[in-house]
Amino acid sequence: MEGAGQLFHKYGIRSVSMDDIARHLSMSKKTLYQYFKDKDDLVTTSMKVLLEEEKEQFKAIEKQSVDALQEMAMFTNCMRKNMKDTSAALLFDLQKYHPNAWRVWTDFKNEFTKNYIVRNLVRGIEEGLFRKEIDPETMAILRVEQVEMAFDDRIYPSSKFDFRQIQVAFFDHFVHGLVTEEGRKTFLQYMEQENDTKTNSILPHEN
């Protein structure tokens, strides 16, 4: 599943065959079929395993973060790392050719991810970092839809846009729409730390 996932993320799902996967892993295609009924089974199972791993990452972030803004920054940075080598065709291929795997992904997005963001926004309001008049569920739905929208070639054609840069722009705009004055200062401090390290990470470093 790991080897197949590397190919899917880099080239998209449709363009990768079971022959390609077997060749990549230096094994026979017959061996693959001992464990997976077909390519759709492999894609769906890989998606389930991947998302379970992401759940554990996000739960750890929730426990480790010192405030809601750091949690949001860490959460978004984790998503960016996971998408670093991802082909823009991945979600399109899932939706069109692998409905079972697509359902797994949308359930994760609409349930786990949305609820995670709701908790983060409620936390930020309580900490005085996010404006108290925002509606957490409305904003959480907006955020998860932004992630998917960046992959939509009809809206942001890959010939013109890099979906990773779009995600960064979405995050920056989203945060500035949420924060109080105190939250804005905290966010800028985190961004200043990012610039000092000269990396692409938005994860603040501890002193």
Protein backbone atom coordinates (compact mmCIF):
# COMPACT_ATOMS: atom_id res chain seq x y z
CA MET A 1 0.00 0.00 0.00
CA GLU A 2 2.88 2.36 0.75
CA GLY A 3 4.49 1.77 -2.63
CA ALA A 4 1.20 2.16 -4.47
CA GLY A 5 0.41 5.30 -2.52
CA GLN A 6 3.69 6.88 -3.59
CA LEU A 7 2.80 6.35 -7.24
CA PHE A 8 -0.81 7.51 -6.82
CA HIS A 9 0.25 10.74 -5.13
CA LYS A 10 2.92 11.51 -7.69
CA TYR A 11 1.12 10.58 -10.92
CA GLY A 12 -2.56 10.39 -10.04
CA ILE A 13 -4.51 7.13 -9.79
CA ARG A 14 -5.80 6.59 -13.30
CA SER A 15 -2.38 6.72 -14.94
CA VAL A 16 -0.94 4.08 -12.58
CA SER A 17 -1.70 0.45 -13.43
CA MET A 18 -1.27 -2.70 -11.35
CA ASP A 19 1.63 -3.53 -13.69
CA ASP A 20 3.26 -0.19 -12.78
CA ILE A 21 2.82 -0.92 -9.07
CA ALA A 22 4.26 -4.42 -9.38
CA ARG A 23 7.23 -3.09 -11.34
CA HIS A 24 7.79 -0.30 -8.79
CA LEU A 25 7.84 -2.88 -5.99
CA SER A 26 9.90 -5.43 -7.94
CA MET A 27 7.27 -8.10 -7.51
CA SER A 28 4.88 -9.96 -9.76
CA LYS A 29 1.37 -8.73 -10.39
CA LYS A 30 0.16 -12.12 -9.21
CA THR A 31 1.54 -11.32 -5.77
CA LEU A 32 -0.51 -8.12 -5.61
CA TYR A 33 -3.67 -10.01 -6.43
CA GLN A 34 -3.04 -12.35 -3.50
CA TYR A 35 -3.81 -9.42 -1.20
CA PHE A 36 -6.11 -7.16 -3.22
CA LYS A 37 -9.05 -8.18 -5.37
CA ASP A 38 -8.38 -5.45 -7.91
CA LYS A 39 -7.01 -1.94 -8.25
CA ASP A 40 -10.14 -0.39 -6.75
CA ASP A 41 -9.71 -2.55 -3.64
CA LEU A 42 -6.09 -1.43 -3.36
CA VAL A 43 -7.00 2.25 -3.75
CA THR A 44 -9.82 2.06 -1.18
CA THR A 45 -7.76 0.16 1.38
CA SER A 46 -4.80 2.53 0.92
CA MET A 47 -7.08 5.52 1.46
CA LYS A 48 -8.47 4.06 4.69
CA VAL A 49 -4.98 3.39 6.06
CA LEU A 50 -3.73 6.85 5.04
CA LEU A 51 -6.62 8.65 6.71
CA GLU A 52 -6.27 6.64 9.92
CA GLU A 53 -2.64 7.76 10.06
CA GLU A 54 -3.72 11.38 9.53
CA LYS A 55 -6.27 11.08 12.34
CA GLU A 56 -3.52 10.07 14.75
CA GLN A 57 -1.34 12.97 13.57
CA PHE A 58 -4.15 15.47 14.11
CA LYS A 59 -5.03 14.09 17.55
CA ALA A 60 -1.39 14.47 18.60
CA ILE A 61 -1.37 18.07 17.34
CA GLU A 62 -4.49 18.85 19.37
CA LYS A 63 -2.74 17.68 22.54
CA GLN A 64 0.63 19.31 21.86
CA SER A 65 -0.41 22.81 20.78
CA VAL A 66 -0.20 25.68 23.25
CA ASP A 67 -3.13 27.65 21.79
CA ALA A 68 -5.70 27.47 19.00
CA LEU A 69 -3.60 29.43 16.51
CA GLN A 70 -0.60 27.18 16.96
CA GLU A 71 -2.88 24.17 16.65
CA MET A 72 -4.32 25.52 13.40
CA ALA A 73 -0.83 26.29 12.08
CA MET A 74 0.42 22.81 12.99
CA PHE A 75 -2.68 21.18 11.53
CA THR A 76 -2.36 23.07 8.25
CA ASN A 77 1.39 22.45 8.08
CA CYS A 78 0.73 18.73 8.51
CA MET A 79 -1.76 18.82 5.65
CA ARG A 80 0.75 20.69 3.47
CA LYS A 81 3.44 18.09 4.16
CA ASN A 82 1.00 15.32 3.29
CA MET A 83 0.20 17.08 0.01
CA LYS A 84 3.80 18.01 -0.83
CA ASP A 85 4.24 15.37 -3.52
CA THR A 86 0.57 14.97 -4.37
CA SER A 87 -0.64 15.18 -7.95
CA ALA A 88 -3.52 17.57 -8.56
CA ALA A 89 -5.21 14.72 -10.44
CA LEU A 90 -5.50 12.57 -7.32
CA LEU A 91 -8.86 13.79 -6.03
CA PHE A 92 -10.31 14.01 -9.54
CA ASP A 93 -9.35 10.39 -10.19
CA LEU A 94 -10.82 9.30 -6.87
CA GLN A 95 -14.11 11.02 -7.55
CA LYS A 96 -14.50 9.82 -11.12
CA TYR A 97 -13.04 6.31 -11.10
CA HIS A 98 -13.06 5.07 -7.50
CA PRO A 99 -16.36 5.99 -5.80
CA ASN A 100 -15.74 3.75 -2.77
CA ALA A 101 -12.42 5.43 -1.99
CA TRP A 102 -13.96 8.84 -2.73
CA ARG A 103 -16.69 8.12 -0.17
CA VAL A 104 -14.04 7.26 2.41
CA TRP A 105 -12.28 10.57 1.73
CA THR A 106 -15.45 12.71 1.80
CA ASP A 107 -16.63 11.05 5.03
CA PHE A 108 -13.27 11.87 6.59
CA LYS A 109 -13.47 15.46 5.36
CA ASN A 110 -17.10 16.07 6.32
CA GLU A 111 -16.97 14.37 9.69
CA PHE A 112 -13.55 14.07 11.31
CA THR A 113 -11.86 17.10 9.71
CA LYS A 114 -14.85 19.40 10.05
CA ASN A 115 -15.40 18.46 13.70
CA TYR A 116 -11.69 18.90 14.39
CA ILE A 117 -11.79 22.45 13.02
CA VAL A 118 -14.99 23.22 14.96
CA ARG A 119 -13.22 22.29 18.21
CA ASN A 120 -10.24 24.42 17.22
CA LEU A 121 -12.43 27.45 16.51
CA VAL A 122 -14.35 27.08 19.78
CA ARG A 123 -11.01 26.85 21.60
CA GLY A 124 -9.75 29.99 19.85
CA ILE A 125 -12.86 31.95 20.80
CA GLU A 126 -12.48 30.90 24.43
CA GLU A 127 -8.82 31.95 24.37
CA GLY A 128 -9.69 35.35 22.90
CA LEU A 129 -7.73 34.66 19.70
CA PHE A 130 -10.73 34.29 17.38
CA ARG A 131 -13.67 36.69 17.11
CA LYS A 132 -16.58 35.58 19.30
CA GLU A 133 -19.18 36.44 16.63
CA ILE A 134 -17.98 33.77 14.16
CA ASP A 135 -20.02 30.58 13.80
CA PRO A 136 -17.57 27.65 14.22
CA GLU A 137 -19.53 25.13 12.14
CA THR A 138 -20.05 27.52 9.23
CA MET A 139 -16.36 28.43 9.16
CA ALA A 140 -15.26 24.78 9.53
CA ILE A 141 -17.32 23.78 6.50
CA LEU A 142 -15.79 26.67 4.55
CA ARG A 143 -12.29 25.53 5.49
CA VAL A 144 -12.69 21.91 4.44
CA GLU A 145 -14.31 22.96 1.16
CA GLN A 146 -11.38 25.28 0.47
CA VAL A 147 -8.99 22.33 0.67
CA GLU A 148 -10.97 20.40 -1.93
CA MET A 149 -11.57 23.45 -4.14
CA ALA A 150 -7.84 23.99 -4.63
CA PHE A 151 -7.71 20.64 -6.45
CA ASP A 152 -10.55 21.54 -8.84
CA ASP A 153 -8.99 22.10 -12.24
CA ARG A 154 -12.15 23.83 -13.48
CA ILE A 155 -11.73 26.59 -10.89
CA TYR A 156 -7.93 26.70 -10.61
CA PRO A 157 -6.49 25.18 -13.81
CA SER A 158 -3.18 23.45 -13.13
CA SER A 159 -1.69 25.16 -16.18
CA LYS A 160 -1.99 28.46 -14.35
CA PHE A 161 -2.08 27.70 -10.62
CA ASP A 162 -0.08 25.58 -8.17
CA PHE A 163 -2.61 24.06 -5.79
CA ARG A 164 -0.06 24.08 -2.94
CA GLN A 165 0.32 27.85 -3.20
CA ILE A 166 -3.46 28.16 -3.36
CA GLN A 167 -3.72 26.27 -0.08
CA VAL A 168 -1.26 28.68 1.55
CA ALA A 169 -3.24 31.68 0.28
CA PHE A 170 -6.52 30.15 1.49
CA PHE A 171 -5.06 29.53 4.95
CA ASP A 172 -3.70 33.08 5.26
CA HIS A 173 -7.02 34.60 4.20
CA PHE A 174 -8.99 32.26 6.47
CA VAL A 175 -6.93 33.05 9.57
CA HIS A 176 -7.08 36.82 9.08
CA GLY A 177 -10.86 36.56 8.83
CA LEU A 178 -11.02 34.82 12.22
CA VAL A 179 -8.57 36.56 14.51
CA THR A 180 -9.00 39.25 17.12
CA GLU A 181 -6.35 41.94 17.44
CA GLU A 182 -4.55 39.77 20.00
CA GLY A 183 -4.88 36.80 17.68
CA ARG A 184 -3.49 38.78 14.77
CA LYS A 185 -0.38 39.68 16.78
CA THR A 186 0.10 36.06 17.80
CA PHE A 187 -0.32 34.89 14.21
CA LEU A 188 2.21 37.45 12.92
CA GLN A 189 4.70 36.27 15.55
CA TYR A 190 4.31 32.74 14.28
CA MET A 191 4.80 33.92 10.70
CA GLU A 192 7.87 35.92 11.70
CA GLN A 193 9.37 32.77 13.21
CA GLU A 194 8.67 31.02 9.92
CA ASN A 195 10.51 33.70 7.95
CA ASP A 196 13.45 33.58 10.34
CA THR A 197 13.92 29.86 9.75
CA LYS A 198 13.75 30.42 5.96
CA THR A 199 11.58 27.37 5.48
CA ASN A 200 8.15 26.80 3.97
CA SER A 201 6.79 25.58 7.26
CA ILE A 202 4.18 27.54 9.21
CA LEU A 203 4.88 25.48 12.31
CA PRO A 204 6.38 27.78 15.00
CA HIS A 205 9.56 26.60 16.65
CA GLU A 206 9.75 26.34 20.43
CA ASN A 207 12.30 28.43 22.29
